[in-house]
């Protein structure tokens, strides 16, 4: 297949996918090497298309819906309950980040949409030499959550509050962590 046609097909596959697709999986589908797919994605990005790389593969940013940043705190043992609370109410946990007074914002992409994604995430943390990012700031951390509506985000916020997971912003914390308009409100 001609490379320009393959790139068009890659974009279409990503547009239709509800979950990340790995470069290896795309390579197998097109009968090319993983490196060819990585190069194709770089060319697609250079043309102005936003493609997000996650640990599970490539995704396009969600269009529509609503986004909110929640500041939360909990123990390591409560991580599954926190994430389950969000996804069971229809939220997608886009990322986890901390605001460190010395280092600034430190972020990791998650794209957690289901209980299966939660299981995979927890397994990766527990089986590796890594610790949860929240532990660099005494448990305080943030999640960017996407949902179909503000009403869904309100329900998620109420549930997080009910579980005791929401935390208050401190005076030294910037509200707009990304220094751009429309980045979502912090709760």
C-alpha atoms as a PDB file:
ATOM      1  CA  UNK A   1       0.000   0.000   0.000  1.00  0.00           C
ATOM      2  CA  UNK A   2       1.181   3.471  -0.825  1.00  0.00           C
ATOM      3  CA  UNK A   3       2.417   5.364   2.257  1.00  0.00           C
ATOM      4  CA  UNK A   4       0.025   8.320   1.835  1.00  0.00           C
ATOM      5  CA  UNK A   5      -2.960   5.946   1.635  1.00  0.00           C
ATOM      6  CA  UNK A   6      -1.696   4.061   4.684  1.00  0.00           C
ATOM      7  CA  UNK A   7      -1.514   7.312   6.677  1.00  0.00           C
ATOM      8  CA  UNK A   8      -5.102   8.154   5.696  1.00  0.00           C
ATOM      9  CA  UNK A   9      -6.183   4.692   6.852  1.00  0.00           C
ATOM     10  CA  UNK A  10      -4.255   5.089  10.137  1.00  0.00           C
ATOM     11  CA  UNK A  11      -6.104   8.356  10.818  1.00  0.00           C
ATOM     12  CA  UNK A  12      -9.449   6.690  10.044  1.00  0.00           C
ATOM     13  CA  UNK A  13      -8.678   3.738  12.325  1.00  0.00           C
ATOM     14  CA  UNK A  14      -7.754   6.090  15.169  1.00  0.00           C
ATOM     15  CA  UNK A  15     -10.879   8.208  14.599  1.00  0.00           C
ATOM     16  CA  UNK A  16     -13.101   5.137  14.846  1.00  0.00           C
ATOM     17  CA  UNK A  17     -11.336   3.571  17.822  1.00  0.00           C
ATOM     18  CA  UNK A  18     -12.605   3.977  21.373  1.00  0.00           C
ATOM     19  CA  UNK A  19      -9.325   2.763  22.871  1.00  0.00           C
ATOM     20  CA  UNK A  20      -5.598   3.239  22.181  1.00  0.00           C
ATOM     21  CA  UNK A  21      -4.047   1.270  19.305  1.00  0.00           C
ATOM     22  CA  UNK A  22      -0.405   0.247  19.518  1.00  0.00           C
ATOM     23  CA  UNK A  23       2.106   0.843  16.736  1.00  0.00           C
ATOM     24  CA  UNK A  24       2.770  -2.911  16.695  1.00  0.00           C
ATOM     25  CA  UNK A  25      -0.908  -3.658  16.095  1.00  0.00           C
ATOM     26  CA  UNK A  26      -1.069  -1.107  13.273  1.00  0.00           C
ATOM     27  CA  UNK A  27       2.147  -2.495  11.791  1.00  0.00           C
ATOM     28  CA  UNK A  28       0.692  -6.002  11.772  1.00  0.00           C
ATOM     29  CA  UNK A  29      -2.538  -4.771  10.144  1.00  0.00           C
ATOM     30  CA  UNK A  30      -0.632  -3.038   7.328  1.00  0.00           C
ATOM     31  CA  UNK A  31       2.158  -5.599   6.964  1.00  0.00           C
ATOM     32  CA  UNK A  32       4.904  -3.100   7.730  1.00  0.00           C
ATOM     33  CA  UNK A  33       7.382  -2.619  10.552  1.00  0.00           C
ATOM     34  CA  UNK A  34       6.531  -0.823  13.780  1.00  0.00           C
ATOM     35  CA  UNK A  35       9.107   1.847  12.853  1.00  0.00           C
ATOM     36  CA  UNK A  36       7.216   2.586   9.616  1.00  0.00           C
ATOM     37  CA  UNK A  37       4.062   3.235  11.679  1.00  0.00           C
ATOM     38  CA  UNK A  38       5.996   5.475  14.100  1.00  0.00           C
ATOM     39  CA  UNK A  39       7.272   7.462  11.099  1.00  0.00           C
ATOM     40  CA  UNK A  40       3.759   7.632   9.615  1.00  0.00           C
ATOM     41  CA  UNK A  41       2.399   9.007  12.891  1.00  0.00           C
ATOM     42  CA  UNK A  42       5.189  11.606  12.971  1.00  0.00           C
ATOM     43  CA  UNK A  43       4.262  12.707   9.437  1.00  0.00           C
ATOM     44  CA  UNK A  44       0.554  12.868  10.341  1.00  0.00           C
ATOM     45  CA  UNK A  45       1.422  14.998  13.375  1.00  0.00           C
ATOM     46  CA  UNK A  46       3.611  17.278  11.256  1.00  0.00           C
ATOM     47  CA  UNK A  47       0.598  17.924   9.030  1.00  0.00           C
ATOM     48  CA  UNK A  48      -1.212  19.401  12.037  1.00  0.00           C
ATOM     49  CA  UNK A  49      -3.236  16.427  13.309  1.00  0.00           C
ATOM     50  CA  UNK A  50      -3.056  15.796  17.052  1.00  0.00           C
ATOM     51  CA  UNK A  51      -2.290  12.189  17.961  1.00  0.00           C
ATOM     52  CA  UNK A  52      -1.631  11.365  21.596  1.00  0.00           C
ATOM     53  CA  UNK A  53       0.865   8.646  22.531  1.00  0.00           C
ATOM     54  CA  UNK A  54      -0.071   6.658  25.628  1.00  0.00           C
ATOM     55  CA  UNK A  55       1.520   3.597  27.200  1.00  0.00           C
ATOM     56  CA  UNK A  56      -1.202   1.535  25.487  1.00  0.00           C
ATOM     57  CA  UNK A  57      -0.910   3.088  22.041  1.00  0.00           C
ATOM     58  CA  UNK A  58      -2.073   6.002  19.939  1.00  0.00           C
ATOM     59  CA  UNK A  59      -5.350   7.870  20.452  1.00  0.00           C
ATOM     60  CA  UNK A  60      -6.957  11.003  19.107  1.00  0.00           C
ATOM     61  CA  UNK A  61      -8.115  13.623  21.578  1.00  0.00           C
ATOM     62  CA  UNK A  62     -11.798  13.341  22.435  1.00  0.00           C
ATOM     63  CA  UNK A  63     -14.034  15.751  20.630  1.00  0.00           C
ATOM     64  CA  UNK A  64     -16.982  17.300  22.422  1.00  0.00           C
ATOM     65  CA  UNK A  65     -18.032  16.571  25.940  1.00  0.00           C
ATOM     66  CA  UNK A  66     -16.684  18.272  29.020  1.00  0.00           C
ATOM     67  CA  UNK A  67     -13.412  18.256  30.939  1.00  0.00           C
ATOM     68  CA  UNK A  68     -12.628  19.002  34.573  1.00  0.00           C
ATOM     69  CA  UNK A  69      -9.523  18.714  36.737  1.00  0.00           C
ATOM     70  CA  UNK A  70     -10.039  17.196  40.181  1.00  0.00           C
ATOM     71  CA  UNK A  71      -7.557  17.581  43.010  1.00  0.00           C
ATOM     72  CA  UNK A  72      -7.682  14.411  45.085  1.00  0.00           C
ATOM     73  CA  UNK A  73      -5.929  12.638  47.935  1.00  0.00           C
ATOM     74  CA  UNK A  74      -6.127   9.032  49.094  1.00  0.00           C
ATOM     75  CA  UNK A  75      -3.987   6.074  50.123  1.00  0.00           C
ATOM     76  CA  UNK A  76      -2.382   3.673  47.656  1.00  0.00           C
ATOM     77  CA  UNK A  77      -4.996   1.103  48.665  1.00  0.00           C
ATOM     78  CA  UNK A  78      -7.797   3.496  47.642  1.00  0.00           C
ATOM     79  CA  UNK A  79      -6.461   4.021  44.095  1.00  0.00           C
ATOM     80  CA  UNK A  80      -8.737   1.364  42.576  1.00  0.00           C
ATOM     81  CA  UNK A  81     -11.811   2.762  44.358  1.00  0.00           C
ATOM     82  CA  UNK A  82     -11.021   6.314  43.217  1.00  0.00           C
ATOM     83  CA  UNK A  83     -10.579   5.308  39.563  1.00  0.00           C
ATOM     84  CA  UNK A  84     -13.611   3.000  39.628  1.00  0.00           C
ATOM     85  CA  UNK A  85     -15.752   5.812  41.026  1.00  0.00           C
ATOM     86  CA  UNK A  86     -14.830   7.948  38.028  1.00  0.00           C
ATOM     87  CA  UNK A  87     -15.197   5.383  35.219  1.00  0.00           C
ATOM     88  CA  UNK A  88     -18.382   3.811  36.602  1.00  0.00           C
ATOM     89  CA  UNK A  89     -20.058   7.217  36.364  1.00  0.00           C
ATOM     90  CA  UNK A  90     -18.948   7.678  32.750  1.00  0.00           C
ATOM     91  CA  UNK A  91     -15.660   9.533  33.151  1.00  0.00           C
ATOM     92  CA  UNK A  92     -12.387   8.955  31.344  1.00  0.00           C
ATOM     93  CA  UNK A  93      -9.291   9.538  33.475  1.00  0.00           C
ATOM     94  CA  UNK A  94      -7.058  11.241  30.930  1.00  0.00           C
ATOM     95  CA  UNK A  95      -4.024  11.741  33.152  1.00  0.00           C
ATOM     96  CA  UNK A  96      -2.536  11.982  36.587  1.00  0.00           C
ATOM     97  CA  UNK A  97      -0.345  14.889  37.589  1.00  0.00           C
ATOM     98  CA  UNK A  98       1.145  16.497  40.625  1.00  0.00           C
ATOM     99  CA  UNK A  99       2.075  20.075  41.304  1.00  0.00           C
ATOM    100  CA  UNK A 100       5.464  20.030  42.971  1.00  0.00           C
ATOM    101  CA  UNK A 101       6.610  23.299  44.525  1.00  0.00           C
ATOM    102  CA  UNK A 102      10.138  22.819  43.167  1.00  0.00           C
ATOM    103  CA  UNK A 103       9.639  20.879  39.910  1.00  0.00           C
ATOM    104  CA  UNK A 104       6.275  22.308  38.845  1.00  0.00           C
ATOM    105  CA  UNK A 105       3.783  20.067  37.055  1.00  0.00           C
ATOM    106  CA  UNK A 106       4.768  16.426  36.557  1.00  0.00           C
ATOM    107  CA  UNK A 107       2.263  14.521  34.418  1.00  0.00           C
ATOM    108  CA  UNK A 108       1.581  10.993  33.215  1.00  0.00           C
ATOM    109  CA  UNK A 109      -1.004  10.105  30.565  1.00  0.00           C
ATOM    110  CA  UNK A 110      -3.479   7.378  31.548  1.00  0.00           C
ATOM    111  CA  UNK A 111      -6.568   7.251  29.278  1.00  0.00           C
ATOM    112  CA  UNK A 112      -8.416   4.982  31.738  1.00  0.00           C
ATOM    113  CA  UNK A 113     -11.933   4.299  30.446  1.00  0.00           C
ATOM    114  CA  UNK A 114     -12.990   1.006  32.035  1.00  0.00           C
ATOM    115  CA  UNK A 115     -12.490  -1.370  34.947  1.00  0.00           C
ATOM    116  CA  UNK A 116     -10.254  -3.450  32.688  1.00  0.00           C
ATOM    117  CA  UNK A 117      -8.046  -0.385  32.114  1.00  0.00           C
ATOM    118  CA  UNK A 118      -7.930   0.067  35.904  1.00  0.00           C
ATOM    119  CA  UNK A 119      -6.884  -3.572  36.372  1.00  0.00           C
ATOM    120  CA  UNK A 120      -4.098  -3.135  33.805  1.00  0.00           C
ATOM    121  CA  UNK A 121      -2.899   0.101  35.425  1.00  0.00           C
ATOM    122  CA  UNK A 122      -2.887  -1.355  38.946  1.00  0.00           C
ATOM    123  CA  UNK A 123      -1.096  -4.484  37.720  1.00  0.00           C
ATOM    124  CA  UNK A 124       1.594  -2.385  35.973  1.00  0.00           C
ATOM    125  CA  UNK A 125       2.203  -0.349  39.131  1.00  0.00           C
ATOM    126  CA  UNK A 126       2.235  -3.371  41.435  1.00  0.00           C
ATOM    127  CA  UNK A 127       4.470  -5.513  39.224  1.00  0.00           C
ATOM    128  CA  UNK A 128       7.033  -2.816  38.452  1.00  0.00           C
ATOM    129  CA  UNK A 129       9.620  -0.932  40.412  1.00  0.00           C
ATOM    130  CA  UNK A 130       7.527   2.248  40.137  1.00  0.00           C
ATOM    131  CA  UNK A 131       5.371   3.955  42.699  1.00  0.00           C
ATOM    132  CA  UNK A 132       2.256   6.017  42.197  1.00  0.00           C
ATOM    133  CA  UNK A 133       3.013   9.604  41.146  1.00  0.00           C
ATOM    134  CA  UNK A 134       0.880  10.921  44.024  1.00  0.00           C
ATOM    135  CA  UNK A 135       3.498   9.701  46.485  1.00  0.00           C
ATOM    136  CA  UNK A 136       5.879  12.498  45.447  1.00  0.00           C
ATOM    137  CA  UNK A 137       3.479  15.023  47.010  1.00  0.00           C
ATOM    138  CA  UNK A 138       2.219  13.228  50.135  1.00  0.00           C
ATOM    139  CA  UNK A 139      -0.768  11.742  48.307  1.00  0.00           C
ATOM    140  CA  UNK A 140      -2.089  14.920  46.708  1.00  0.00           C
ATOM    141  CA  UNK A 141      -2.582  14.661  42.961  1.00  0.00           C
ATOM    142  CA  UNK A 142      -4.858  15.694  40.117  1.00  0.00           C
ATOM    143  CA  UNK A 143      -6.774  13.976  37.361  1.00  0.00           C
ATOM    144  CA  UNK A 144      -8.064  15.486  34.161  1.00  0.00           C
ATOM    145  CA  UNK A 145     -11.416  13.776  33.644  1.00  0.00           C
ATOM    146  CA  UNK A 146     -13.452  13.864  30.454  1.00  0.00           C
ATOM    147  CA  UNK A 147     -17.133  12.999  30.247  1.00  0.00           C
ATOM    148  CA  UNK A 148     -20.101  13.466  27.955  1.00  0.00           C
ATOM    149  CA  UNK A 149     -21.454  16.441  29.910  1.00  0.00           C
ATOM    150  CA  UNK A 150     -20.998  18.835  32.820  1.00  0.00           C
ATOM    151  CA  UNK A 151     -23.793  16.949  34.594  1.00  0.00           C
ATOM    152  CA  UNK A 152     -21.728  13.751  34.465  1.00  0.00           C
ATOM    153  CA  UNK A 153     -18.716  15.630  35.832  1.00  0.00           C
ATOM    154  CA  UNK A 154     -20.922  17.038  38.616  1.00  0.00           C
ATOM    155  CA  UNK A 155     -21.981  13.478  39.528  1.00  0.00           C
ATOM    156  CA  UNK A 156     -18.330  12.358  39.541  1.00  0.00           C
ATOM    157  CA  UNK A 157     -17.370  15.312  41.731  1.00  0.00           C
ATOM    158  CA  UNK A 158     -20.184  14.532  44.191  1.00  0.00           C
ATOM    159  CA  UNK A 159     -19.132  10.868  44.370  1.00  0.00           C
ATOM    160  CA  UNK A 160     -15.460  11.753  44.903  1.00  0.00           C
ATOM    161  CA  UNK A 161     -16.536  14.144  47.664  1.00  0.00           C
ATOM    162  CA  UNK A 162     -18.724  11.455  49.254  1.00  0.00           C
ATOM    163  CA  UNK A 163     -15.768   9.043  49.308  1.00  0.00           C
ATOM    164  CA  UNK A 164     -13.575  11.729  50.888  1.00  0.00           C
ATOM    165  CA  UNK A 165     -11.193  11.871  47.917  1.00  0.00           C
ATOM    166  CA  UNK A 166     -11.508  15.567  46.961  1.00  0.00           C
ATOM    167  CA  UNK A 167      -8.880  17.962  48.290  1.00  0.00           C
ATOM    168  CA  UNK A 168      -8.850  21.756  48.528  1.00  0.00           C
ATOM    169  CA  UNK A 169      -6.526  23.941  46.487  1.00  0.00           C
ATOM    170  CA  UNK A 170      -3.825  25.734  48.454  1.00  0.00           C
ATOM    171  CA  UNK A 171      -2.918  29.402  47.970  1.00  0.00           C
ATOM    172  CA  UNK A 172       0.350  28.531  46.197  1.00  0.00           C
ATOM    173  CA  UNK A 173      -1.312  26.262  43.630  1.00  0.00           C
ATOM    174  CA  UNK A 174      -2.094  27.776  40.258  1.00  0.00           C
ATOM    175  CA  UNK A 175      -5.639  27.135  39.085  1.00  0.00           C
ATOM    176  CA  UNK A 176      -4.641  26.958  35.404  1.00  0.00           C
ATOM    177  CA  UNK A 177      -1.800  24.425  35.454  1.00  0.00           C
ATOM    178  CA  UNK A 178      -1.275  24.500  31.705  1.00  0.00           C
ATOM    179  CA  UNK A 179      -1.322  28.297  31.199  1.00  0.00           C
ATOM    180  CA  UNK A 180      -3.903  28.138  28.451  1.00  0.00           C
ATOM    181  CA  UNK A 181      -7.521  29.126  28.283  1.00  0.00           C
ATOM    182  CA  UNK A 182     -10.240  26.504  28.479  1.00  0.00           C
ATOM    183  CA  UNK A 183      -8.087  23.895  30.174  1.00  0.00           C
ATOM    184  CA  UNK A 184     -10.891  22.890  32.515  1.00  0.00           C
ATOM    185  CA  UNK A 185     -11.759  23.954  35.998  1.00  0.00           C
ATOM    186  CA  UNK A 186     -10.046  22.638  39.078  1.00  0.00           C
ATOM    187  CA  UNK A 187     -12.280  21.162  41.742  1.00  0.00           C
END
